[in-house]
Amino acid sequence: MPYCVHQAAAPQFFEREKHLRVPRKHVERIVGEDQEEQELRLGAWVGNQRSRAATLTPGRVEQLSAIGMRWA
């Protein structure tokens, strides 16, 4: 499965906040592989993943669950 920068931002948020109830408008800042700071719309991404849960592959659901995603 291709790498998604949001999958780096989600654990960072989870580690700091101890949950993934990310506000829809939240922007998370991460340092990318190129050492450049990036701003990611993590709240929108998490919301979109939850709303698409029924259409995600089992592997994708497992991957997201492993980084702290709660589906309800």
PDB file of N, CA and C in Angstrom:
ATOM      1  N   MET A   1       0.854  -1.188   0.000  1.00  0.00           N
ATOM      2  CA  MET A   1       0.000   0.000   0.000  1.00  0.00           C
ATOM      3  C   MET A   1       0.890   1.237   0.000  1.00  0.00           C
ATOM      4  N   PRO A   2       0.586   2.236  -0.837  1.00  0.00           N
ATOM      5  CA  PRO A   2       1.437   3.411  -0.918  1.00  0.00           C
ATOM      6  C   PRO A   2       1.457   4.194   0.395  1.00  0.00           C
ATOM      7  N   TYR A   3       2.589   4.814   0.644  1.00  0.00           N
ATOM      8  CA  TYR A   3       2.763   5.640   1.838  1.00  0.00           C
ATOM      9  C   TYR A   3       1.909   6.895   1.722  1.00  0.00           C
ATOM     10  N   CYS A   4       1.290   7.257   2.802  1.00  0.00           N
ATOM     11  CA  CYS A   4       0.460   8.456   2.854  1.00  0.00           C
ATOM     12  C   CYS A   4       0.994   9.331   3.983  1.00  0.00           C
ATOM     13  N   VAL A   5       1.308  10.589   3.683  1.00  0.00           N
ATOM     14  CA  VAL A   5       1.867  11.469   4.709  1.00  0.00           C
ATOM     15  C   VAL A   5       0.902  11.642   5.875  1.00  0.00           C
ATOM     16  N   HIS A   6      -0.388  11.501   5.622  1.00  0.00           N
ATOM     17  CA  HIS A   6      -1.357  11.601   6.713  1.00  0.00           C
ATOM     18  C   HIS A   6      -1.163  10.463   7.720  1.00  0.00           C
ATOM     19  N   GLN A   7      -0.636   9.357   7.254  1.00  0.00           N
ATOM     20  CA  GLN A   7      -0.385   8.242   8.161  1.00  0.00           C
ATOM     21  C   GLN A   7       0.808   8.522   9.062  1.00  0.00           C
ATOM     22  N   ALA A   8       1.586   9.525   8.766  1.00  0.00           N
ATOM     23  CA  ALA A   8       2.634   9.983   9.686  1.00  0.00           C
ATOM     24  C   ALA A   8       2.052  11.024  10.642  1.00  0.00           C
ATOM     25  N   ALA A   9       1.144  11.838  10.144  1.00  0.00           N
ATOM     26  CA  ALA A   9       0.548  12.894  10.967  1.00  0.00           C
ATOM     27  C   ALA A   9      -0.405  12.328  12.014  1.00  0.00           C
ATOM     28  N   ALA A  10      -1.140  11.290  11.668  1.00  0.00           N
ATOM     29  CA  ALA A  10      -2.123  10.725  12.600  1.00  0.00           C
ATOM     30  C   ALA A  10      -1.449  10.167  13.863  1.00  0.00           C
ATOM     31  N   PRO A  11      -0.387   9.356  13.755  1.00  0.00           N
ATOM     32  CA  PRO A  11       0.257   8.883  14.982  1.00  0.00           C
ATOM     33  C   PRO A  11       0.877  10.021  15.798  1.00  0.00           C
ATOM     34  N   GLN A  12       1.378  11.033  15.122  1.00  0.00           N
ATOM     35  CA  GLN A  12       1.937  12.186  15.817  1.00  0.00           C
ATOM     36  C   GLN A  12       0.855  12.864  16.658  1.00  0.00           C
ATOM     37  N   PHE A  13      -0.320  13.062  16.052  1.00  0.00           N
ATOM     38  CA  PHE A  13      -1.447  13.655  16.772  1.00  0.00           C
ATOM     39  C   PHE A  13      -1.869  12.750  17.925  1.00  0.00           C
ATOM     40  N   PHE A  14      -1.973  11.435  17.657  1.00  0.00           N
ATOM     41  CA  PHE A  14      -2.396  10.467  18.672  1.00  0.00           C
ATOM     42  C   PHE A  14      -1.429  10.461  19.857  1.00  0.00           C
ATOM     43  N   GLU A  15      -0.138  10.480  19.575  1.00  0.00           N
ATOM     44  CA  GLU A  15       0.870  10.464  20.637  1.00  0.00           C
ATOM     45  C   GLU A  15       0.735  11.697  21.540  1.00  0.00           C
ATOM     46  N   ARG A  16       0.483  12.830  20.934  1.00  0.00           N
ATOM     47  CA  ARG A  16       0.379  14.076  21.694  1.00  0.00           C
ATOM     48  C   ARG A  16      -0.946  14.195  22.430  1.00  0.00           C
ATOM     49  N   GLU A  17      -2.060  13.841  21.768  1.00  0.00           N
ATOM     50  CA  GLU A  17      -3.400  14.072  22.310  1.00  0.00           C
ATOM     51  C   GLU A  17      -4.029  12.839  22.963  1.00  0.00           C
ATOM     52  N   LYS A  18      -3.470  11.660  22.689  1.00  0.00           N
ATOM     53  CA  LYS A  18      -3.960  10.381  23.233  1.00  0.00           C
ATOM     54  C   LYS A  18      -5.320   9.971  22.663  1.00  0.00           C
ATOM     55  N   HIS A  19      -5.672  10.491  21.494  1.00  0.00           N
ATOM     56  CA  HIS A  19      -6.908  10.110  20.794  1.00  0.00           C
ATOM     57  C   HIS A  19      -6.800  10.568  19.340  1.00  0.00           C
ATOM     58  N   LEU A  20      -7.717  10.089  18.509  1.00  0.00           N
ATOM     59  CA  LEU A  20      -7.798  10.550  17.116  1.00  0.00           C
ATOM     60  C   LEU A  20      -9.155  11.181  16.829  1.00  0.00           C
ATOM     61  N   ARG A  21      -9.725  11.846  17.811  1.00  0.00           N
ATOM     62  CA  ARG A  21     -10.945  12.619  17.587  1.00  0.00           C
ATOM     63  C   ARG A  21     -10.504  14.001  17.110  1.00  0.00           C
ATOM     64  N   VAL A  22     -10.035  14.044  15.892  1.00  0.00           N
ATOM     65  CA  VAL A  22      -9.421  15.242  15.336  1.00  0.00           C
ATOM     66  C   VAL A  22     -10.515  16.204  14.862  1.00  0.00           C
ATOM     67  N   PRO A  23     -10.483  17.448  15.315  1.00  0.00           N
ATOM     68  CA  PRO A  23     -11.461  18.420  14.815  1.00  0.00           C
ATOM     69  C   PRO A  23     -11.350  18.552  13.296  1.00  0.00           C
ATOM     70  N   ARG A  24     -12.468  18.661  12.632  1.00  0.00           N
ATOM     71  CA  ARG A  24     -12.515  18.669  11.163  1.00  0.00           C
ATOM     72  C   ARG A  24     -11.554  19.686  10.535  1.00  0.00           C
ATOM     73  N   LYS A  25     -11.373  20.831  11.148  1.00  0.00           N
ATOM     74  CA  LYS A  25     -10.530  21.880  10.557  1.00  0.00           C
ATOM     75  C   LYS A  25      -9.078  21.845  11.046  1.00  0.00           C
ATOM     76  N   HIS A  26      -8.724  20.827  11.810  1.00  0.00           N
ATOM     77  CA  HIS A  26      -7.368  20.765  12.370  1.00  0.00           C
ATOM     78  C   HIS A  26      -6.322  20.568  11.280  1.00  0.00           C
ATOM     79  N   VAL A  27      -5.243  21.332  11.375  1.00  0.00           N
ATOM     80  CA  VAL A  27      -4.086  21.200  10.492  1.00  0.00           C
ATOM     81  C   VAL A  27      -2.914  20.725  11.347  1.00  0.00           C
ATOM     82  N   GLU A  28      -2.311  19.618  10.956  1.00  0.00           N
ATOM     83  CA  GLU A  28      -1.166  19.054  11.674  1.00  0.00           C
ATOM     84  C   GLU A  28       0.103  19.375  10.894  1.00  0.00           C
ATOM     85  N   ARG A  29       1.122  19.782  11.603  1.00  0.00           N
ATOM     86  CA  ARG A  29       2.412  20.074  10.974  1.00  0.00           C
ATOM     87  C   ARG A  29       3.363  18.901  11.210  1.00  0.00           C
ATOM     88  N   ILE A  30       3.964  18.425  10.132  1.00  0.00           N
ATOM     89  CA  ILE A  30       4.954  17.357  10.238  1.00  0.00           C
ATOM     90  C   ILE A  30       6.186  17.751   9.434  1.00  0.00           C
ATOM     91  N   VAL A  31       7.301  17.101   9.744  1.00  0.00           N
ATOM     92  CA  VAL A  31       8.515  17.276   8.960  1.00  0.00           C
ATOM     93  C   VAL A  31       8.577  16.089   8.013  1.00  0.00           C
ATOM     94  N   GLY A  32       8.563  16.378   6.719  1.00  0.00           N
ATOM     95  CA  GLY A  32       8.552  15.323   5.709  1.00  0.00           C
ATOM     96  C   GLY A  32       9.907  14.672   5.518  1.00  0.00           C
ATOM     97  N   GLU A  33       9.944  13.672   4.659  1.00  0.00           N
ATOM     98  CA  GLU A  33      11.183  12.952   4.366  1.00  0.00           C
ATOM     99  C   GLU A  33      12.266  13.877   3.822  1.00  0.00           C
ATOM    100  N   ASP A  34      11.848  14.956   3.173  1.00  0.00           N
ATOM    101  CA  ASP A  34      12.795  15.924   2.622  1.00  0.00           C
ATOM    102  C   ASP A  34      13.203  16.984   3.649  1.00  0.00           C
ATOM    103  N   GLN A  35      12.813  16.770   4.916  1.00  0.00           N
ATOM    104  CA  GLN A  35      13.100  17.664   6.034  1.00  0.00           C
ATOM    105  C   GLN A  35      12.385  19.013   5.929  1.00  0.00           C
ATOM    106  N   GLU A  36      11.419  19.100   5.052  1.00  0.00           N
ATOM    107  CA  GLU A  36      10.588  20.294   4.922  1.00  0.00           C
ATOM    108  C   GLU A  36       9.356  20.131   5.804  1.00  0.00           C
ATOM    109  N   GLU A  37       8.955  21.213   6.461  1.00  0.00           N
ATOM    110  CA  GLU A  37       7.732  21.160   7.257  1.00  0.00           C
ATOM    111  C   GLU A  37       6.530  21.199   6.317  1.00  0.00           C
ATOM    112  N   GLN A  38       5.554  20.352   6.607  1.00  0.00           N
ATOM    113  CA  GLN A  38       4.330  20.296   5.821  1.00  0.00           C
ATOM    114  C   GLN A  38       3.144  20.526   6.732  1.00  0.00           C
ATOM    115  N   GLU A  39       2.129  21.179   6.201  1.00  0.00           N
ATOM    116  CA  GLU A  39       0.868  21.345   6.913  1.00  0.00           C
ATOM    117  C   GLU A  39      -0.163  20.457   6.239  1.00  0.00           C
ATOM    118  N   LEU A  40      -0.756  19.551   7.018  1.00  0.00           N
ATOM    119  CA  LEU A  40      -1.714  18.586   6.489  1.00  0.00           C
ATOM    120  C   LEU A  40      -3.070  18.789   7.134  1.00  0.00           C
ATOM    121  N   ARG A  41      -4.103  18.729   6.336  1.00  0.00           N
ATOM    122  CA  ARG A  41      -5.469  18.864   6.840  1.00  0.00           C
ATOM    123  C   ARG A  41      -5.904  17.522   7.439  1.00  0.00           C
ATOM    124  N   LEU A  42      -5.329  17.219   8.591  1.00  0.00           N
ATOM    125  CA  LEU A  42      -5.547  15.925   9.221  1.00  0.00           C
ATOM    126  C   LEU A  42      -6.992  15.707   9.623  1.00  0.00           C
ATOM    127  N   GLY A  43      -7.654  16.731  10.120  1.00  0.00           N
ATOM    128  CA  GLY A  43      -9.050  16.583  10.543  1.00  0.00           C
ATOM    129  C   GLY A  43      -9.955  16.160   9.393  1.00  0.00           C
ATOM    130  N   ALA A  44      -9.782  16.799   8.253  1.00  0.00           N
ATOM    131  CA  ALA A  44     -10.584  16.444   7.073  1.00  0.00           C
ATOM    132  C   ALA A  44     -10.254  15.018   6.619  1.00  0.00           C
ATOM    133  N   TRP A  45      -8.977  14.674   6.633  1.00  0.00           N
ATOM    134  CA  TRP A  45      -8.564  13.344   6.198  1.00  0.00           C
ATOM    135  C   TRP A  45      -9.159  12.252   7.095  1.00  0.00           C
ATOM    136  N   VAL A  46      -9.071  12.441   8.428  1.00  0.00           N
ATOM    137  CA  VAL A  46      -9.621  11.454   9.366  1.00  0.00           C
ATOM    138  C   VAL A  46     -11.131  11.319   9.149  1.00  0.00           C
ATOM    139  N   GLY A  47     -11.820  12.443   9.022  1.00  0.00           N
ATOM    140  CA  GLY A  47     -13.263  12.405   8.780  1.00  0.00           C
ATOM    141  C   GLY A  47     -13.607  11.671   7.496  1.00  0.00           C
ATOM    142  N   ASN A  48     -12.832  11.917   6.454  1.00  0.00           N
ATOM    143  CA  ASN A  48     -13.073  11.244   5.170  1.00  0.00           C
ATOM    144  C   ASN A  48     -12.843   9.738   5.283  1.00  0.00           C
ATOM    145  N   GLN A  49     -11.800   9.336   6.000  1.00  0.00           N
ATOM    146  CA  GLN A  49     -11.538   7.904   6.165  1.00  0.00           C
ATOM    147  C   GLN A  49     -12.692   7.235   6.908  1.00  0.00           C
ATOM    148  N   ARG A  50     -13.187   7.905   7.953  1.00  0.00           N
ATOM    149  CA  ARG A  50     -14.310   7.334   8.713  1.00  0.00           C
ATOM    150  C   ARG A  50     -15.557   7.211   7.839  1.00  0.00           C
ATOM    151  N   SER A  51     -15.831   8.236   7.051  1.00  0.00           N
ATOM    152  CA  SER A  51     -17.046   8.201   6.228  1.00  0.00           C
ATOM    153  C   SER A  51     -16.943   7.167   5.110  1.00  0.00           C
ATOM    154  N   ARG A  52     -15.738   6.788   4.744  1.00  0.00           N
ATOM    155  CA  ARG A  52     -15.526   5.798   3.679  1.00  0.00           C
ATOM    156  C   ARG A  52     -15.219   4.407   4.225  1.00  0.00           C
ATOM    157  N   ALA A  53     -15.392   4.207   5.507  1.00  0.00           N
ATOM    158  CA  ALA A  53     -14.999   2.949   6.151  1.00  0.00           C
ATOM    159  C   ALA A  53     -15.573   1.725   5.450  1.00  0.00           C
ATOM    160  N   ALA A  54     -16.815   1.801   5.016  1.00  0.00           N
ATOM    161  CA  ALA A  54     -17.464   0.640   4.390  1.00  0.00           C
ATOM    162  C   ALA A  54     -16.827   0.268   3.054  1.00  0.00           C
ATOM    163  N   THR A  55     -16.141   1.212   2.417  1.00  0.00           N
ATOM    164  CA  THR A  55     -15.549   0.941   1.108  1.00  0.00           C
ATOM    165  C   THR A  55     -14.043   0.708   1.164  1.00  0.00           C
ATOM    166  N   LEU A  56     -13.438   0.847   2.347  1.00  0.00           N
ATOM    167  CA  LEU A  56     -12.002   0.617   2.478  1.00  0.00           C
ATOM    168  C   LEU A  56     -11.712  -0.873   2.497  1.00  0.00           C
ATOM    169  N   THR A  57     -10.544  -1.229   2.009  1.00  0.00           N
ATOM    170  CA  THR A  57     -10.144  -2.633   2.049  1.00  0.00           C
ATOM    171  C   THR A  57      -9.881  -3.040   3.500  1.00  0.00           C
ATOM    172  N   PRO A  58     -10.004  -4.325   3.810  1.00  0.00           N
ATOM    173  CA  PRO A  58      -9.702  -4.777   5.173  1.00  0.00           C
ATOM    174  C   PRO A  58      -8.273  -4.402   5.597  1.00  0.00           C
ATOM    175  N   GLY A  59      -7.344  -4.454   4.658  1.00  0.00           N
ATOM    176  CA  GLY A  59      -5.963  -4.088   4.970  1.00  0.00           C
ATOM    177  C   GLY A  59      -5.839  -2.630   5.360  1.00  0.00           C
ATOM    178  N   ARG A  60      -6.576  -1.773   4.668  1.00  0.00           N
ATOM    179  CA  ARG A  60      -6.551  -0.338   4.964  1.00  0.00           C
ATOM    180  C   ARG A  60      -7.179  -0.071   6.329  1.00  0.00           C
ATOM    181  N   VAL A  61      -8.285  -0.741   6.632  1.00  0.00           N
ATOM    182  CA  VAL A  61      -8.940  -0.589   7.941  1.00  0.00           C
ATOM    183  C   VAL A  61      -7.978  -1.029   9.035  1.00  0.00           C
ATOM    184  N   GLU A  62      -7.294  -2.139   8.834  1.00  0.00           N
ATOM    185  CA  GLU A  62      -6.333  -2.643   9.814  1.00  0.00           C
ATOM    186  C   GLU A  62      -5.182  -1.653  10.000  1.00  0.00           C
ATOM    187  N   GLN A  63      -4.697  -1.112   8.900  1.00  0.00           N
ATOM    188  CA  GLN A  63      -3.607  -0.152   8.937  1.00  0.00           C
ATOM    189  C   GLN A  63      -4.012   1.106   9.721  1.00  0.00           C
ATOM    190  N   LEU A  64      -5.191   1.605   9.466  1.00  0.00           N
ATOM    191  CA  LEU A  64      -5.679   2.799  10.152  1.00  0.00           C
ATOM    192  C   LEU A  64      -5.980   2.511  11.621  1.00  0.00           C
ATOM    193  N   SER A  65      -6.516   1.342  11.905  1.00  0.00           N
ATOM    194  CA  SER A  65      -6.781   0.963  13.293  1.00  0.00           C
ATOM    195  C   SER A  65      -5.492   0.894  14.088  1.00  0.00           C
ATOM    196  N   ALA A  66      -4.417   0.454  13.442  1.00  0.00           N
ATOM    197  CA  ALA A  66      -3.126   0.319  14.106  1.00  0.00           C
ATOM    198  C   ALA A  66      -2.544   1.670  14.526  1.00  0.00           C
ATOM    199  N   ILE A  67      -2.958   2.751  13.863  1.00  0.00           N
ATOM    200  CA  ILE A  67      -2.456   4.075  14.238  1.00  0.00           C
ATOM    201  C   ILE A  67      -3.449   4.843  15.116  1.00  0.00           C
ATOM    202  N   GLY A  68      -4.439   4.126  15.647  1.00  0.00           N
ATOM    203  CA  GLY A  68      -5.344   4.737  16.626  1.00  0.00           C
ATOM    204  C   GLY A  68      -6.702   5.161  16.117  1.00  0.00           C
ATOM    205  N   MET A  69      -7.059   4.815  14.884  1.00  0.00           N
ATOM    206  CA  MET A  69      -8.352   5.209  14.329  1.00  0.00           C
ATOM    207  C   MET A  69      -9.488   4.523  15.089  1.00  0.00           C
ATOM    208  N   ARG A  70     -10.481   5.291  15.437  1.00  0.00           N
ATOM    209  CA  ARG A  70     -11.710   4.765  16.019  1.00  0.00           C
ATOM    210  C   ARG A  70     -12.804   5.011  15.000  1.00  0.00           C
ATOM    211  N   TRP A  71     -13.584   3.988  14.753  1.00  0.00           N
ATOM    212  CA  TRP A  71     -14.530   4.034  13.636  1.00  0.00           C
ATOM    213  C   TRP A  71     -15.934   4.516  14.025  1.00  0.00           C
ATOM    214  N   ALA A  72     -16.212   4.662  15.280  1.00  0.00           N
ATOM    215  CA  ALA A  72     -17.554   5.103  15.688  1.00  0.00           C
ATOM    216  C   ALA A  72     -17.512   6.457  16.346  1.00  0.00           C
TER     217      ALA A  72
END
